[in-house]
Protein backbone atom coordinates (compact mmCIF):
# COMPACT_ATOMS: atom_id res chain seq x y z
CA MET A 1 -160.57 71.94 -106.34
CA GLN A 2 -160.12 68.61 -104.61
CA ARG A 3 -160.27 66.85 -107.98
CA LEU A 4 -157.56 69.13 -109.32
CA GLY A 5 -155.39 68.24 -106.35
CA TRP A 6 -155.81 64.53 -106.98
CA MET A 7 -155.02 64.98 -110.67
CA LEU A 8 -151.89 66.96 -109.83
CA THR A 9 -150.79 64.28 -107.36
CA LEU A 10 -151.36 61.57 -109.97
CA PHE A 11 -149.41 63.53 -112.58
CA ILE A 12 -146.45 64.00 -110.26
CA THR A 13 -146.53 60.32 -109.31
CA LEU A 14 -146.49 59.23 -112.95
CA LEU A 15 -143.78 61.76 -113.78
CA VAL A 16 -141.50 60.66 -110.95
CA GLY A 17 -142.09 56.97 -111.67
CA GLY A 18 -141.45 57.42 -115.37
CA CYS A 19 -138.18 59.26 -114.79
CA GLY A 20 -136.67 56.43 -112.77
CA TYR A 21 -137.10 57.69 -109.22
CA ASN A 22 -138.39 54.32 -108.04
CA ASP A 23 -135.56 52.58 -109.87
CA TYR A 24 -133.07 54.75 -107.98
CA GLN A 25 -134.66 53.68 -104.72
CA ARG A 26 -134.51 50.02 -105.66
CA LEU A 27 -130.96 50.00 -107.03
CA ASP A 28 -129.61 52.17 -104.22
CA GLU A 29 -130.94 49.69 -101.67
CA GLN A 30 -129.59 46.83 -103.78
CA THR A 31 -126.06 48.25 -103.74
CA LYS A 32 -126.24 48.82 -99.98
CA ALA A 33 -127.36 45.24 -99.40
CA ALA A 34 -124.62 43.90 -101.68
CA TRP A 35 -122.01 45.99 -99.85
CA SER A 36 -123.25 44.77 -96.48
CA GLU A 37 -122.65 41.20 -97.63
CA VAL A 38 -119.10 42.09 -98.74
CA VAL A 39 -118.36 43.57 -95.32
CA ASN A 40 -120.01 40.61 -93.59
CA GLN A 41 -117.78 38.11 -95.39
CA TYR A 42 -114.65 40.16 -94.71
CA GLN A 43 -115.59 40.20 -91.03
CA ARG A 44 -116.17 36.45 -91.11
CA ARG A 45 -112.61 35.99 -92.37
CA ALA A 46 -111.18 38.37 -89.77
CA ASP A 47 -112.98 36.49 -87.00
CA LEU A 48 -111.26 33.25 -88.03
CA ILE A 49 -107.74 34.60 -87.69
CA PRO A 50 -107.44 34.57 -83.86
CA ASN A 51 -108.31 30.86 -83.91
CA LEU A 52 -105.80 30.26 -86.69
CA GLN A 53 -103.18 32.20 -84.77
CA ALA A 54 -103.75 30.11 -81.64
CA VAL A 55 -103.29 26.86 -83.57
CA VAL A 56 -100.22 27.96 -85.54
CA GLU A 57 -98.45 29.39 -82.49
CA ARG A 58 -98.39 25.89 -80.98
CA GLN A 59 -96.29 24.66 -83.91
CA ALA A 60 -92.62 24.73 -82.95
CA ASN A 61 -90.28 26.72 -85.19
CA PHE A 62 -93.07 28.07 -87.40
CA GLU A 63 -91.98 31.13 -89.38
CA ARG A 64 -92.89 33.92 -86.99
CA ASN A 65 -92.64 36.62 -89.67
CA THR A 66 -95.34 34.94 -91.73
CA LEU A 67 -97.76 34.76 -88.82
CA THR A 68 -96.94 38.34 -87.79
CA ALA A 69 -97.74 39.55 -91.31
CA VAL A 70 -101.22 38.03 -91.03
CA ILE A 71 -101.83 39.54 -87.59
CA GLU A 72 -100.71 42.99 -88.73
CA ALA A 73 -102.73 42.78 -91.95
CA ARG A 74 -105.82 41.88 -89.93
CA ALA A 75 -105.23 44.84 -87.62
CA ARG A 76 -105.02 47.21 -90.60
CA ALA A 77 -108.08 45.75 -92.29
CA THR A 78 -110.26 45.90 -89.18
CA SER A 79 -109.10 49.39 -88.19
CA ILE A 80 -110.71 51.02 -91.23
CA GLN A 81 -114.15 52.31 -90.40
CA VAL A 82 -116.77 51.39 -93.00
CA THR A 83 -119.69 53.80 -93.19
CA PRO A 84 -122.38 54.54 -95.78
CA GLU A 85 -120.19 57.44 -96.91
CA THR A 86 -117.49 54.94 -97.90
CA LEU A 87 -119.63 53.94 -100.87
CA GLN A 88 -119.48 57.51 -102.19
CA ASP A 89 -115.74 58.03 -101.63
CA PRO A 90 -113.50 56.36 -104.26
CA GLN A 91 -110.37 56.92 -102.16
CA ALA A 92 -111.88 55.42 -98.99
CA LEU A 93 -113.24 52.46 -100.96
CA ALA A 94 -109.85 51.82 -102.58
CA GLN A 95 -108.08 52.05 -99.19
CA TYR A 96 -110.47 49.57 -97.63
CA GLN A 97 -110.16 47.16 -100.53
CA GLN A 98 -106.36 47.40 -100.52
CA ALA A 99 -106.24 46.49 -96.82
CA GLN A 100 -108.50 43.50 -97.40
CA ASN A 101 -106.43 42.33 -100.38
CA GLN A 102 -103.28 42.51 -98.25
CA LEU A 103 -104.93 40.37 -95.60
CA GLY A 104 -105.96 37.80 -98.21
CA SER A 105 -102.42 37.66 -99.58
CA ALA A 106 -100.92 37.27 -96.10
CA LEU A 107 -103.27 34.39 -95.35
CA ALA A 108 -102.44 32.67 -98.62
CA ARG A 109 -98.74 33.01 -97.80
CA LEU A 110 -99.25 31.49 -94.34
CA MET A 111 -101.08 28.51 -95.79
CA ALA A 112 -98.31 27.97 -98.32
CA VAL A 113 -95.64 28.05 -95.61
CA ALA A 114 -97.72 25.65 -93.46
CA GLU A 115 -97.21 22.91 -96.04
CA ALA A 116 -93.66 22.51 -94.74
CA TYR A 117 -94.96 21.49 -91.28
CA PRO A 118 -96.41 17.94 -91.35
CA GLU A 119 -97.57 18.11 -87.73
CA LEU A 120 -99.56 21.24 -88.49
CA GLN A 121 -101.07 19.66 -91.58
CA THR A 122 -102.37 16.73 -89.53
CA ASN A 123 -103.76 18.96 -86.79
CA GLN A 124 -107.56 18.65 -86.98
CA ALA A 125 -108.19 22.19 -85.78
CA PHE A 126 -105.88 23.57 -88.46
CA ARG A 127 -107.49 21.40 -91.13
CA ASP A 128 -110.97 22.60 -90.14
CA LEU A 129 -109.85 26.23 -90.21
CA ALA A 130 -108.23 25.74 -93.62
CA VAL A 131 -111.50 24.41 -95.03
CA THR A 132 -113.47 27.29 -93.48
CA LEU A 133 -111.02 29.89 -94.80
CA GLU A 134 -111.17 28.46 -98.30
CA GLY A 135 -114.95 28.61 -98.22
CA THR A 136 -114.85 32.16 -96.87
CA GLU A 137 -112.53 33.33 -99.65
CA ASN A 138 -114.98 31.93 -102.19
CA ARG A 139 -117.86 33.72 -100.47
CA ILE A 140 -115.90 36.97 -100.51
CA ALA A 141 -115.30 36.65 -104.24
CA VAL A 142 -119.00 36.02 -104.88
CA ALA A 143 -120.07 38.94 -102.66
CA ARG A 144 -117.66 41.37 -104.31
CA ASN A 145 -118.74 40.37 -107.79
CA GLN A 146 -122.39 40.87 -106.80
CA TYR A 147 -121.52 44.32 -105.49
CA ILE A 148 -119.74 45.20 -108.73
CA GLN A 149 -122.81 44.20 -110.72
CA ALA A 150 -125.15 46.13 -108.43
CA VAL A 151 -123.10 49.31 -108.76
CA GLN A 152 -122.87 48.90 -112.53
CA GLN A 153 -126.67 48.69 -112.78
CA TYR A 154 -127.06 51.76 -110.60
CA ASN A 155 -124.49 53.78 -112.55
CA VAL A 156 -126.06 52.86 -115.90
CA LEU A 157 -129.32 54.33 -114.60
CA ARG A 158 -127.47 57.42 -113.38
CA ARG A 159 -125.83 58.02 -116.76
CA SER A 160 -128.85 57.30 -118.94
CA PHE A 161 -131.33 59.89 -120.19
CA PRO A 162 -133.76 61.00 -118.81
CA THR A 163 -133.01 59.21 -115.52
CA ASN A 164 -129.75 61.16 -115.21
CA LEU A 165 -131.88 64.30 -114.75
CA THR A 166 -133.79 62.59 -111.93
CA GLY A 167 -130.49 61.67 -110.30
CA MET A 168 -129.29 65.27 -110.50
CA ILE A 169 -132.53 66.62 -109.04
CA PHE A 170 -132.69 64.19 -106.13
CA GLY A 171 -128.96 64.01 -105.44
CA TYR A 172 -128.27 60.47 -106.63
CA ASP A 173 -124.62 60.65 -107.65
CA GLU A 174 -122.65 57.91 -109.39
CA LYS A 175 -121.16 55.32 -107.06
CA PRO A 176 -117.47 54.41 -107.17
CA ASN A 177 -116.74 50.82 -108.03
CA PHE A 178 -113.68 48.59 -107.80
CA SER A 179 -111.17 49.49 -110.49
CA VAL A 180 -110.83 47.36 -113.60
CA ALA A 181 -107.61 45.92 -112.21
CA ASN A 182 -109.36 44.97 -109.00
CA GLU A 183 -112.27 43.43 -110.88
CA ALA A 184 -109.87 41.08 -112.68
CA GLU A 185 -108.04 40.34 -109.43
CA ILE A 186 -111.10 39.48 -107.37
CA ALA A 187 -112.51 37.16 -109.99
CA THR A 188 -110.25 34.49 -108.45
CA PRO A 189 -109.98 34.43 -104.64
CA PRO A 190 -106.54 34.08 -102.98
CA ARG A 191 -105.56 30.41 -103.16
CA ILE A 192 -105.72 28.62 -99.82
CA GLU A 193 -103.62 25.50 -100.25
CA MET A 194 -105.14 22.40 -98.68
CA PRO A 195 -103.47 19.20 -97.50
CA ALA A 196 -103.45 16.66 -100.34
CA ASN A 197 -105.61 14.17 -98.45
CA LEU A 198 -108.12 16.75 -97.21
CA SER A 199 -111.39 16.97 -99.10
CA THR A 200 -113.09 20.35 -99.33
CA GLU A 201 -116.44 18.63 -99.62
CA GLY A 202 -116.82 18.25 -95.88
CA SER A 203 -118.57 20.57 -93.52
CA PRO A 204 -116.44 23.60 -92.58
CA ALA A 205 -115.76 24.42 -88.98
CA THR A 206 -117.85 27.09 -87.33
CA PRO A 207 -115.82 30.21 -86.53
């Protein structure tokens, strides 16, 4: 009787493993880790903005509307709660991504406007922040692309036979991904214009 129990356990183990259950575990964790890195880099960018605001506000006659747009975009982006359920909700994911894209665009606009202020361009604090922001935008692009790839691998497993049956049995649904339009958009991060004499090879400032 005990031998029969061991044989049954072994059979179930082989059956589950052969139908992709372990692959679901691995790829599900992989997508969660990739998403955590996306959120981490977005937060890194958001944490830089108060410092940027403090520096820019000292510049006389700077376009207030441009700075306000960044502040408001940051408020919208950071007000959206990101939970594990976000990864299963296409609408919530799209809303979050739209808010982050708006913040990136507002920052790019501020940097473009800043070129008209020589004193700001020569301010060391501003220059350091510009370098850090440029590096952060690149990190965001890398993190989002890694998330896209992780979700694609997971969804291929979910749609394939016979692993699609395993997904149905154990409740592993397909995960929403960034739309095709977004995938093309995020391939290139928002351009952060740098002063002509400022090298991006140096060490970025710490937020």
